[in-house]
C-alpha cells in the first residue's frame, strides 16, 4: 500500500549524517543518536504540502512541493538552513498570524557549543524566510527537543510550549521528593503570546520547568471533553511523564498520577487520537522494549521490584519498559492496553504516529525505529566497566579513547512498525505487507497528503541514510479532507474539533499538528470513510467554542470550514457514563473493613518468580452467623491483621463485631474460609485455611482452623475439630458430597512455599460427625497448584460434583458417583493460569455453566496450543532445592526461550556463570541447550495454552470453552459476580481484578475498573461489554459478594491492602 519513492524521482536527497568525533559524541552528549525531525506544511498556500527536515551536524533542508510528488530543494534561497546548530524538533505554525506557515526549529547539542538558541523562520510570502526568534522571545537556549503551538488560554492567538531535555547528567542529579517543583533554566517552558511577543508563564500556569525534566515527546489534545487543550509530555529516564489538564483559567493541573496508572520508563514519541471510534482520544507513547528474545536479553536491564516500589514511593509513579497505549474512558481517565493491543514492544522506538493508513475509518499506528549504536548492549556495558577498571587501552598500554569505546557498541538497523487496526482493541504489525520492510535508523516522521489524492503519505528522517518518502497507494475507500480557515490570530484553526456522523457511526478528529517525535503535520484533517459516500452530519467546534453544523456532505473532496460562519454553542463532550451502582461503603460499613497486607518481597526468596504469591488475598466469607435472618460477612486477614466479623443490621448496614479468638490468631495468614454447620448443631461455624508464602519453615502457620459458633455469632476455636493437615491453602469449598447430612470439605493448596512448581498436597475430607476421613481420589491429591474450586451438580444427577482450577492447570471436573470420585474430566487445551471459578446457569437451560477467571491478555505472556508457555521444575544445580524455568514466545520469535534474564538465572544457579559468559550467548540459548538431556528428563513439566477469562458451557454431557470479550481480558480476574443486573431477564457477568506485584519485566496489571458484560439470548448465548458500567472499582479486587440488605441489593468488593467497598443502586 505504501511505495518507497526513489530520490531521483522526488528530488528529496536529504540525509541526516551523524558522525562521532573524539570531543563530541554519544559519550559526551547523551542525545547524540536521537536524530532529526520532519515538518509537513504548505508554506506558499498553493495547496501542495512542502517538507522541512532537521539535521544534527549539517544544514536543515526545505523542499518545495512542485506537484506529482516532485520536490525542489529551496533551502538556500529560502534562508532556512539554520546556523549549523544541532537541530532536533521542527514545527510549522503561523506564529505571526498572517496566513502563512512559519518554521520553528528546536536546537540542542554541545552544552558548551555555539548556536544553541532555537530559531524562528518567519515566512515572508515570497518563498523566503527571516529568522526572528529573538524578536518574538522564542530564542530558548536549552536542550530543546520540540515545540507545540496552540491556544492554551483561549484568547485567540497561538501560544508555545517548548519541550526541553535537562542539561544535567541524570546519573548525577540529586533526587528529592519536590525536585520537579523547582524551576531550572533548562526546564520546559510555556510561552504565552502577548500581542506577538512570547513570555514565560510556566510557573504561574502550573507547568514543571525543573532540572529533572528529560522531555522527548509532546502531544496536545482535548483529553477530557471540556473543549480545552490538554498536554501530554514524554520524559526519558526515571522521571515520569506529565499529563497537564487545562483548567480554563490560564492554568494547568498536572494529573498523571491520578489519571494514568503507569507510563513508559524511557518515554520517547507521543501521539493522541481516537483508536476505537468512541469519540475520546487515546494516548500512545513509545519506549524501547524489543520484541525478540535475542535483543531482549542482550539490550535490556530491568530494575528489581524493590527499586520500582521505592521510586513510586518517592513520587516517580509506576513506570514500565514498554510502549503504552492509554485507553480513554471518555472523561480523561485511562487504562493501559499496550500489550493487550499488540503494540507494546517495538524495540528502540522514536516516532509514534496515529493515522488512518487506508481510509477505512479506523486509525492505525506507525512507529519509527532504530538507534545508531546500541547504548544498552549489556555486553558493551560489561566491556566498558572492565575497561574502566583496568584503565588500559586496546593494547594494554594507552588509555582508551572515546572512539575506541564507541566502536565496541553494536549497530543494527531495524525495521519500522506499521500496526493495522483490526478493531476490538487489536492491532497487527503489517509493516512488510504495507511496504515498510527497509531496516533503518529512523527518528522523526510525519504524514501528509503530498499528492492531494485524499490519503496520507509518509515522510521519515533517518540517520546516515536517505530519508524515506512513502506514497500511499491505497484505493477503494472514500474520504473527506477538511481545511480550516480561522479568524484573527489563528488563521489555520489550530485546536478545532470535527465530528463526522454517518448512520450509527461517529468519527472525531482534532486539529493539532505537533505529533510523533520532533515532527509536525499539515494543519488539516482527513476522515477515512470506508464505503460511506456521504456524511449525514459534520460538526466543527472552534477553539473559541463556537460551532457550526453541516449536513448531507458528499465524500471524496476537500471542504474548507470557515470560523467566521460559526455560532455560539459548543458544548463539552465528556462521555464517561455514571455507573448503575454507587459506592456507599462509608454509609453501609460501620467499622474498619480494611485488609492490611504484610509487606514482603517474594523475589528475595525465589528470584525466578514472575509474580508474587503473597498478595492474592483477601477472601470474604458470608452467612447468617447470629440467626437473625440477615447475612453477615467475615473479611479474612493477612499475617498480623486479624479476621474481622461484620454483622448486618436490620437497616442494611454492617457493624464490626470483635471476636477475641480472631485477635488471638492474628499471626496466621487466613487465605480461604467457609461458613457452614460443621458440627451439626444448626448454626454456621467457620473453617479457615491458613497459608501464605512467607512462613517456609514454620509448619504451624499452615494449619486448618475451626471456630464453632454458639448460635449468636460468638466463635471459639476448636483446635481438634478441624482436619489435622497442613498446607498453603487457597480454597476451602464445602458440600455434603456423600449425602449423609454432614458437611464435607475440599481443601485446595496454592503452592509449596519457597518451591514454586512443586505440586502441593490437596485434600478431600469426609465429615464423620466429629472426625475427618481423607476421601480424595489419587489424581486429586497432587493435581497441581490449585487456586479455586466449586461444588455444583454438573451432570444433573442430584449430587454435587467438584470443579477445580489452578495455576498451570487444566480445568478438572470430578464427577460424583454415590460419594466416590472416579471420573476426572480434563478439558482439552484448557491449561491456564486460572484464578477463579463461579458456577451459574448462564443460559437458563437447567444445567450449571461456569465463569472462569484467568490471567487475561494484557500481558507479555501469550499462550496458545501452537505456542504454549512451558515451565520445567527440577533441582537443576543439584543443591538440594528445586528451581524452575519458565519459557515463553516473544512476539517475533517462533522458538520458545527462558523468560528469566541472565542476571536472574545465574543468581539462582551460580554454576551457570561458568558456561554463560556473555549476554550474546544467553540470547541464543534455549532450555534444551541449557541443561543436558538426562537432567531435563527428570523435570516436572507444565504447560499453559489458554490465558483468556472464559465461560465453560455445560452442553448436557459435554463442555465447550468460550473466551469472554476482549474487555474481560484487560487484567487478571479475581472477582466474579453473576446475575440479572439490568432487569432484562438475562444473566449478566461482572468481573473485577488487577494484580500489581509482578517483576518489572513482567509488567503491571492495573487496567481493570471492573468489567460489566451484558448477556444476550441466542444460540449460543453471547456477552458484550455494556455501555453503562455496573460499578467503578479501582485497586486489586480479590473477592466479591452480593447481599440483600433491607430490600436493597448490596455488593461488597474486597481488595488487597485496601478497604472493602460497598455498592448500591442510587436512591
Foldseek 3Di string as FASTA:
>chain_A
DKDWDDCVQAVFFDFQAQDDDQVFHCVQPVCSFQFAAKAWAQQQPPPFIWMWIAHAQFFTWTWHQPFPNHTDTCCVVQVRRADRFRWAFKYWAQLFQPLGTKIKIQGAGDLPDPRRWIWIWHRPNPSHTDTCCVVQVRRQRARWHAKFWDDQLLPQATWMKTAFAAPDDVVPDDDALCQQLDADSRFIFTWDRDPRHTDGPCNVQVHGGGNQFGWAEKEWAQQFQFLGIWMWTFGAALAAIWTWHRPNRSHTDTQCVPQPQEAARGWHFKYWFDFAQPQGIKIKTFAAAAQALLCNQFQDDFDWPVVQVVSVVSVRGHHFRWIWIWPRLQRRHTFTQCQVQVNTHDGHWHFWDWAAQFLQQGIWIKIQDFTQFRPRGPQLVVVVVVLVVLQADPVRHHGHGPVNSRVPTDGDFAFIWIWDRPHQSYTDTPCVVQPRPDGFHWHYKEWDQNNPQQGIWIWIHTYPRGITTIDRPHDDWWKEKEFEQEDDNRRRQQSKKKWFADDPGIHIDHQTFRGTGSYGYYRIDMRRHGHDQWTAKMKMQTSSRFIDMDGTGGTRYYYYDYPVPTGHDRRGGRDNDAAQKEWDCVPAEADFQFEAFDDDFLCVLFVQDQFDPFQQDDAKEWDQQQPPPFIWMWIFYAAQGFIWTWHADQQQHTYTDDAVVRNVVSRFRFAEKYFDCQQPPPGTKIKTATAGQPCQPDQVNGFIWIWDGPNRNHTDTDRQQDAGDGARWQYWEWDQQQPPPHIWIWTAHQANRSAPPQFAFTFTWHRPNRYTDTQDDPCRGRVGRWNYKYWDQAQPPPGTWIWTAAALHFIWIFHRDNNHGPDIDGDPQRGFHWHYKDWDPQQPPPGIKIWTWFFFRSWQAAAAPQWKKKKWWACQQPPPGIHMFIWGGRNVDNDIATPDHPVSVCVVVVVCCVVCVGSSSRSPDHPPVSGDPVRRVPIDMGIHHDGAGWMWDRPNVDIDTGGARNVRRQGTWQEKDWDDPPPPPGIKIKTFFWDARGTSNGPGRFSDQIWIWDWDDDVVIHTDTDSHHNYGHGAGWHYKDWGQRSNWIWIWTHHGRTRIIIITRDD
